[in-house]
């Protein structure tokens, strides 16, 4: 897998989805072609899992619209993942001790149990 091929320009090309993917553990969570692409190109299935499993967090579970942001320190290979309500109110933050995610930042939306790229919204 060549994670260096993931670019923000590639992600902007996803508008809508042709296929829905069901999370293998949490069956009521779906994700789009764009999210599948991110997971494959960046080896980031862990990020889908993190977002999916946090849907049971008390501060997150009732939010119909969520903005997840992964900010990566590319030099240190660390990151911070946050979730907000779309209006800047932080609902969840978690440091990631190690990641080889290739982008400095990515935003991901969750709308009614569907994980998608902003361009797919």
N, C-alpha and C. Protein backbone atom coordinates (compact mmCIF):
# COMPACT_ATOMS: atom_id res chain seq x y z
N UNK A 1 0.84 -1.19 0.00
CA UNK A 1 0.00 0.00 0.00
C UNK A 1 0.88 1.24 0.00
N UNK A 2 0.62 2.16 -0.90
CA UNK A 2 1.40 3.39 -0.98
C UNK A 2 0.57 4.54 -0.45
N UNK A 3 0.81 4.90 0.81
CA UNK A 3 0.02 5.94 1.45
C UNK A 3 0.37 7.33 0.95
N UNK A 4 1.50 7.50 0.29
CA UNK A 4 1.91 8.82 -0.19
C UNK A 4 1.01 9.31 -1.33
N UNK A 5 0.19 8.46 -1.88
CA UNK A 5 -0.66 8.85 -3.00
C UNK A 5 -1.94 9.57 -2.57
N UNK A 6 -2.23 9.62 -1.29
CA UNK A 6 -3.43 10.29 -0.81
C UNK A 6 -3.20 11.80 -0.81
N UNK A 7 -4.05 12.53 -1.55
CA UNK A 7 -3.95 13.98 -1.58
C UNK A 7 -5.31 14.61 -1.33
N UNK A 8 -5.29 15.84 -0.88
CA UNK A 8 -6.54 16.58 -0.68
C UNK A 8 -7.27 16.77 -2.00
N UNK A 9 -6.52 16.91 -3.08
CA UNK A 9 -7.14 17.07 -4.41
C UNK A 9 -7.93 15.82 -4.79
N UNK A 10 -7.37 14.65 -4.49
CA UNK A 10 -8.09 13.39 -4.74
C UNK A 10 -9.40 13.36 -3.97
N UNK A 11 -9.35 13.79 -2.72
CA UNK A 11 -10.54 13.72 -1.86
C UNK A 11 -11.63 14.67 -2.34
N UNK A 12 -11.23 15.81 -2.88
CA UNK A 12 -12.23 16.78 -3.37
C UNK A 12 -13.01 16.23 -4.56
N UNK A 13 -12.47 15.21 -5.22
CA UNK A 13 -13.15 14.62 -6.37
C UNK A 13 -14.32 13.73 -6.00
N UNK A 14 -14.49 13.43 -4.73
CA UNK A 14 -15.61 12.59 -4.31
C UNK A 14 -16.82 13.47 -4.03
N UNK A 15 -17.87 13.27 -4.82
CA UNK A 15 -19.13 13.99 -4.63
C UNK A 15 -20.24 12.95 -4.67
N UNK A 16 -20.83 12.69 -3.55
CA UNK A 16 -21.80 11.61 -3.47
C UNK A 16 -21.08 10.28 -3.40
N UNK A 17 -21.85 9.20 -3.43
CA UNK A 17 -21.26 7.87 -3.35
C UNK A 17 -22.06 6.93 -4.23
N UNK A 18 -21.38 5.96 -4.80
CA UNK A 18 -22.06 4.94 -5.60
C UNK A 18 -22.38 3.70 -4.78
N UNK A 19 -21.61 3.50 -3.71
CA UNK A 19 -21.80 2.31 -2.89
C UNK A 19 -21.67 2.70 -1.42
N UNK A 20 -22.46 2.05 -0.59
CA UNK A 20 -22.39 2.23 0.85
C UNK A 20 -21.67 1.03 1.45
N UNK A 21 -20.83 1.29 2.42
CA UNK A 21 -20.09 0.24 3.11
C UNK A 21 -20.56 0.19 4.55
N UNK A 22 -20.80 -1.00 5.04
CA UNK A 22 -21.28 -1.19 6.41
C UNK A 22 -20.10 -1.52 7.31
N UNK A 23 -20.04 -0.87 8.46
CA UNK A 23 -18.97 -1.17 9.41
C UNK A 23 -19.12 -2.62 9.84
N UNK A 24 -18.02 -3.38 9.89
CA UNK A 24 -18.12 -4.82 10.19
C UNK A 24 -18.56 -5.16 11.61
N UNK A 25 -18.39 -4.23 12.54
CA UNK A 25 -18.77 -4.51 13.93
C UNK A 25 -20.07 -3.78 14.30
N UNK A 26 -20.13 -2.51 13.98
CA UNK A 26 -21.31 -1.69 14.30
C UNK A 26 -22.13 -1.58 13.02
N UNK A 27 -23.05 -2.50 12.87
CA UNK A 27 -23.76 -2.68 11.59
C UNK A 27 -24.64 -1.50 11.18
N UNK A 28 -25.03 -0.63 12.12
CA UNK A 28 -25.88 0.50 11.74
C UNK A 28 -25.06 1.72 11.27
N UNK A 29 -23.73 1.58 11.22
CA UNK A 29 -22.89 2.65 10.71
C UNK A 29 -22.47 2.35 9.28
N UNK A 30 -22.70 3.33 8.41
CA UNK A 30 -22.32 3.20 7.00
C UNK A 30 -21.24 4.22 6.68
N UNK A 31 -20.47 3.95 5.63
CA UNK A 31 -19.54 4.94 5.13
C UNK A 31 -19.50 4.89 3.61
N UNK A 32 -18.96 5.95 3.03
CA UNK A 32 -19.06 6.20 1.60
C UNK A 32 -17.81 5.76 0.84
N UNK A 33 -17.89 5.90 -0.49
CA UNK A 33 -16.74 5.62 -1.35
C UNK A 33 -15.52 6.44 -0.95
N UNK A 34 -15.73 7.71 -0.63
CA UNK A 34 -14.61 8.58 -0.26
C UNK A 34 -13.92 8.14 1.00
N UNK A 35 -14.69 7.73 1.98
CA UNK A 35 -14.11 7.25 3.24
C UNK A 35 -13.39 5.93 3.02
N UNK A 36 -13.96 5.07 2.21
CA UNK A 36 -13.30 3.81 1.87
C UNK A 36 -11.96 4.09 1.18
N UNK A 37 -11.93 5.07 0.30
CA UNK A 37 -10.70 5.45 -0.39
C UNK A 37 -9.64 5.92 0.61
N UNK A 38 -10.04 6.76 1.54
CA UNK A 38 -9.11 7.24 2.58
C UNK A 38 -8.56 6.06 3.38
N UNK A 39 -9.44 5.16 3.78
CA UNK A 39 -9.03 4.01 4.58
C UNK A 39 -8.04 3.13 3.81
N UNK A 40 -8.30 2.91 2.54
CA UNK A 40 -7.42 2.07 1.73
C UNK A 40 -6.09 2.75 1.44
N UNK A 41 -6.13 3.99 0.96
CA UNK A 41 -4.91 4.69 0.55
C UNK A 41 -4.01 5.04 1.73
N UNK A 42 -4.61 5.35 2.87
CA UNK A 42 -3.83 5.80 4.03
C UNK A 42 -3.71 4.73 5.11
N UNK A 43 -4.26 3.54 4.87
CA UNK A 43 -4.23 2.52 5.90
C UNK A 43 -4.96 3.00 7.15
N UNK A 44 -6.09 3.67 6.95
CA UNK A 44 -6.76 4.36 8.05
C UNK A 44 -8.10 3.75 8.44
N UNK A 45 -8.21 2.44 8.35
CA UNK A 45 -9.43 1.80 8.86
C UNK A 45 -9.57 2.08 10.36
N UNK A 46 -8.45 2.29 11.02
CA UNK A 46 -8.48 2.63 12.45
C UNK A 46 -9.27 3.91 12.69
N UNK A 47 -9.21 4.86 11.75
CA UNK A 47 -9.93 6.12 11.92
C UNK A 47 -11.43 5.90 11.79
N UNK A 48 -11.84 5.05 10.87
CA UNK A 48 -13.26 4.69 10.76
C UNK A 48 -13.72 4.03 12.06
N UNK A 49 -12.90 3.13 12.58
CA UNK A 49 -13.24 2.46 13.85
C UNK A 49 -13.36 3.48 14.98
N UNK A 50 -12.41 4.39 15.07
CA UNK A 50 -12.44 5.39 16.15
C UNK A 50 -13.72 6.20 16.09
N UNK A 51 -14.07 6.69 14.91
CA UNK A 51 -15.29 7.48 14.75
C UNK A 51 -16.51 6.64 15.08
N UNK A 52 -16.55 5.42 14.58
CA UNK A 52 -17.70 4.54 14.79
C UNK A 52 -17.88 4.21 16.26
N UNK A 53 -16.83 3.80 16.92
CA UNK A 53 -16.94 3.38 18.32
C UNK A 53 -17.27 4.56 19.24
N UNK A 54 -16.86 5.77 18.86
CA UNK A 54 -17.17 6.94 19.69
C UNK A 54 -18.62 7.39 19.55
N UNK A 55 -19.36 6.78 18.63
CA UNK A 55 -20.78 7.12 18.49
C UNK A 55 -21.58 6.74 19.73
N UNK A 56 -20.99 5.94 20.61
CA UNK A 56 -21.65 5.56 21.86
C UNK A 56 -21.25 6.46 23.02
N UNK A 57 -20.32 7.38 22.79
CA UNK A 57 -19.90 8.33 23.81
C UNK A 57 -21.10 9.22 24.17
N UNK A 58 -21.35 9.45 25.46
CA UNK A 58 -22.54 10.22 25.86
C UNK A 58 -22.66 11.61 25.22
N UNK A 59 -21.55 12.28 24.99
CA UNK A 59 -21.61 13.63 24.40
C UNK A 59 -21.79 13.60 22.90
N UNK A 60 -21.59 12.45 22.26
CA UNK A 60 -21.61 12.35 20.81
C UNK A 60 -22.87 11.68 20.29
N UNK A 61 -23.37 10.69 21.00
CA UNK A 61 -24.40 9.80 20.46
C UNK A 61 -25.69 10.50 20.02
N UNK A 62 -26.00 11.66 20.58
CA UNK A 62 -27.24 12.34 20.18
C UNK A 62 -27.02 13.45 19.16
N UNK A 63 -25.80 13.63 18.70
CA UNK A 63 -25.49 14.66 17.70
C UNK A 63 -25.73 14.09 16.31
N UNK A 64 -26.71 14.62 15.60
CA UNK A 64 -27.03 14.12 14.26
C UNK A 64 -25.99 14.55 13.23
N UNK A 65 -25.33 15.69 13.47
CA UNK A 65 -24.29 16.18 12.57
C UNK A 65 -23.02 16.39 13.37
N UNK A 66 -21.94 15.77 12.90
CA UNK A 66 -20.65 15.86 13.59
C UNK A 66 -19.55 16.17 12.59
N UNK A 67 -18.57 16.94 13.04
CA UNK A 67 -17.38 17.20 12.24
C UNK A 67 -16.19 16.61 13.00
N UNK A 68 -15.56 15.63 12.38
CA UNK A 68 -14.37 14.99 12.94
C UNK A 68 -13.15 15.55 12.22
N UNK A 69 -12.15 15.92 13.00
CA UNK A 69 -10.92 16.46 12.43
C UNK A 69 -9.74 15.67 12.97
N UNK A 70 -8.90 15.22 12.06
CA UNK A 70 -7.65 14.58 12.43
C UNK A 70 -6.54 15.56 12.04
N UNK A 71 -5.80 16.05 13.04
CA UNK A 71 -4.66 16.95 12.80
C UNK A 71 -3.40 16.17 13.12
N UNK A 72 -2.54 16.07 12.11
CA UNK A 72 -1.35 15.24 12.21
C UNK A 72 -0.09 16.10 12.28
N UNK A 73 0.78 15.77 13.23
CA UNK A 73 2.13 16.34 13.26
C UNK A 73 2.98 15.39 12.45
N UNK A 74 3.23 15.73 11.19
CA UNK A 74 3.92 14.83 10.27
C UNK A 74 5.36 14.54 10.69
N UNK A 75 6.00 15.46 11.36
CA UNK A 75 7.38 15.24 11.81
C UNK A 75 7.46 14.27 12.98
N UNK A 76 6.49 14.35 13.88
CA UNK A 76 6.50 13.49 15.07
C UNK A 76 5.67 12.22 14.91
N UNK A 77 4.90 12.13 13.83
CA UNK A 77 4.00 11.00 13.57
C UNK A 77 2.98 10.81 14.69
N UNK A 78 2.49 11.94 15.21
CA UNK A 78 1.44 11.92 16.21
C UNK A 78 0.25 12.71 15.67
N UNK A 79 -0.87 12.62 16.35
CA UNK A 79 -2.06 13.34 15.88
C UNK A 79 -3.02 13.58 17.03
N UNK A 80 -4.01 14.39 16.75
CA UNK A 80 -5.13 14.61 17.66
C UNK A 80 -6.39 14.49 16.82
N UNK A 81 -7.33 13.70 17.31
CA UNK A 81 -8.63 13.60 16.65
C UNK A 81 -9.65 14.31 17.54
N UNK A 82 -10.46 15.16 16.91
CA UNK A 82 -11.51 15.86 17.66
C UNK A 82 -12.84 15.71 16.93
N UNK A 83 -13.89 15.86 17.70
CA UNK A 83 -15.24 15.87 17.16
C UNK A 83 -15.92 17.12 17.67
N UNK A 84 -16.56 17.85 16.76
CA UNK A 84 -17.38 18.98 17.18
C UNK A 84 -18.76 18.89 16.54
N UNK A 85 -19.64 19.76 16.98
CA UNK A 85 -21.04 19.69 16.56
C UNK A 85 -21.32 20.47 15.27
N UNK A 86 -20.29 20.91 14.59
CA UNK A 86 -20.47 21.69 13.37
C UNK A 86 -20.53 23.18 13.63
N UNK A 87 -20.67 23.55 14.89
CA UNK A 87 -20.69 24.96 15.29
C UNK A 87 -19.47 25.30 16.15
N UNK A 88 -18.48 24.41 16.14
CA UNK A 88 -17.25 24.68 16.89
C UNK A 88 -17.25 24.19 18.33
N UNK A 89 -18.38 23.64 18.81
CA UNK A 89 -18.42 23.13 20.18
C UNK A 89 -17.78 21.74 20.21
N UNK A 90 -16.62 21.63 20.87
CA UNK A 90 -15.88 20.37 20.93
C UNK A 90 -16.62 19.37 21.82
N UNK A 91 -16.85 18.18 21.26
CA UNK A 91 -17.53 17.12 21.98
C UNK A 91 -16.57 16.05 22.48
N UNK A 92 -15.44 15.91 21.78
CA UNK A 92 -14.51 14.82 22.07
C UNK A 92 -13.14 15.16 21.51
N UNK A 93 -12.10 14.82 22.25
CA UNK A 93 -10.72 14.99 21.80
C UNK A 93 -9.92 13.79 22.28
N UNK A 94 -9.06 13.30 21.39
CA UNK A 94 -8.20 12.17 21.76
C UNK A 94 -6.84 12.31 21.08
N UNK A 95 -5.75 12.23 21.85
CA UNK A 95 -4.43 12.21 21.23
C UNK A 95 -4.14 10.84 20.64
N UNK A 96 -3.45 10.82 19.52
CA UNK A 96 -3.04 9.58 18.87
C UNK A 96 -1.51 9.52 18.99
N UNK A 97 -1.01 8.54 19.70
CA UNK A 97 0.41 8.44 20.00
C UNK A 97 1.28 8.16 18.80
N UNK A 98 0.75 7.48 17.80
CA UNK A 98 1.50 7.23 16.58
C UNK A 98 0.53 7.09 15.41
N UNK A 99 0.88 7.71 14.29
CA UNK A 99 0.15 7.51 13.05
C UNK A 99 1.07 7.78 11.87
N UNK A 100 0.85 7.05 10.80
CA UNK A 100 1.56 7.33 9.56
C UNK A 100 0.60 7.93 8.53
N UNK A 101 -0.49 8.50 9.02
CA UNK A 101 -1.46 9.15 8.12
C UNK A 101 -0.73 10.25 7.35
N UNK A 102 -0.88 10.28 6.02
CA UNK A 102 -0.03 11.14 5.19
C UNK A 102 -0.42 12.61 5.07
N UNK A 103 -1.64 12.96 5.47
CA UNK A 103 -2.07 14.36 5.35
C UNK A 103 -1.93 15.08 6.69
N UNK A 104 -1.68 16.37 6.62
CA UNK A 104 -1.57 17.17 7.83
C UNK A 104 -2.92 17.30 8.55
N UNK A 105 -3.99 17.30 7.76
CA UNK A 105 -5.33 17.42 8.35
C UNK A 105 -6.37 16.83 7.41
N UNK A 106 -7.38 16.23 8.01
CA UNK A 106 -8.54 15.77 7.25
C UNK A 106 -9.78 16.02 8.10
N UNK A 107 -10.84 16.45 7.44
CA UNK A 107 -12.14 16.61 8.09
C UNK A 107 -13.07 15.54 7.53
N UNK A 108 -13.87 15.00 8.42
CA UNK A 108 -14.83 13.96 8.07
C UNK A 108 -16.14 14.29 8.77
N UNK A 109 -17.24 14.13 8.04
CA UNK A 109 -18.56 14.36 8.63
C UNK A 109 -19.20 13.04 9.03
N UNK A 110 -20.05 13.13 10.04
CA UNK A 110 -20.95 12.03 10.38
C UNK A 110 -22.35 12.63 10.41
N UNK A 111 -23.22 12.08 9.58
CA UNK A 111 -24.60 12.56 9.50
C UNK A 111 -25.51 11.34 9.58
N UNK A 112 -26.31 11.27 10.64
CA UNK A 112 -27.26 10.17 10.81
C UNK A 112 -26.62 8.79 10.58
N UNK A 113 -25.53 8.52 11.28
CA UNK A 113 -24.82 7.22 11.22
C UNK A 113 -24.14 6.93 9.89
N UNK A 114 -23.89 7.96 9.09
CA UNK A 114 -23.14 7.80 7.85
C UNK A 114 -21.86 8.64 7.96
N UNK A 115 -20.73 8.01 7.71
CA UNK A 115 -19.42 8.69 7.74
C UNK A 115 -19.08 9.06 6.29
N UNK A 116 -18.78 10.35 6.05
CA UNK A 116 -18.54 10.80 4.69
C UNK A 116 -17.56 11.97 4.65
N UNK A 117 -17.00 12.19 3.49
CA UNK A 117 -16.14 13.36 3.27
C UNK A 117 -17.02 14.59 3.11
N UNK A 118 -16.51 15.77 3.49
CA UNK A 118 -17.30 16.99 3.30
C UNK A 118 -17.78 17.19 1.86
N UNK A 119 -16.97 16.82 0.88
CA UNK A 119 -17.38 16.97 -0.52
C UNK A 119 -18.50 16.03 -0.91
N UNK A 120 -18.74 15.01 -0.09
CA UNK A 120 -19.82 14.07 -0.37
C UNK A 120 -21.13 14.46 0.31
N UNK A 121 -21.09 15.50 1.11
CA UNK A 121 -22.27 15.94 1.87
C UNK A 121 -23.30 16.58 0.96
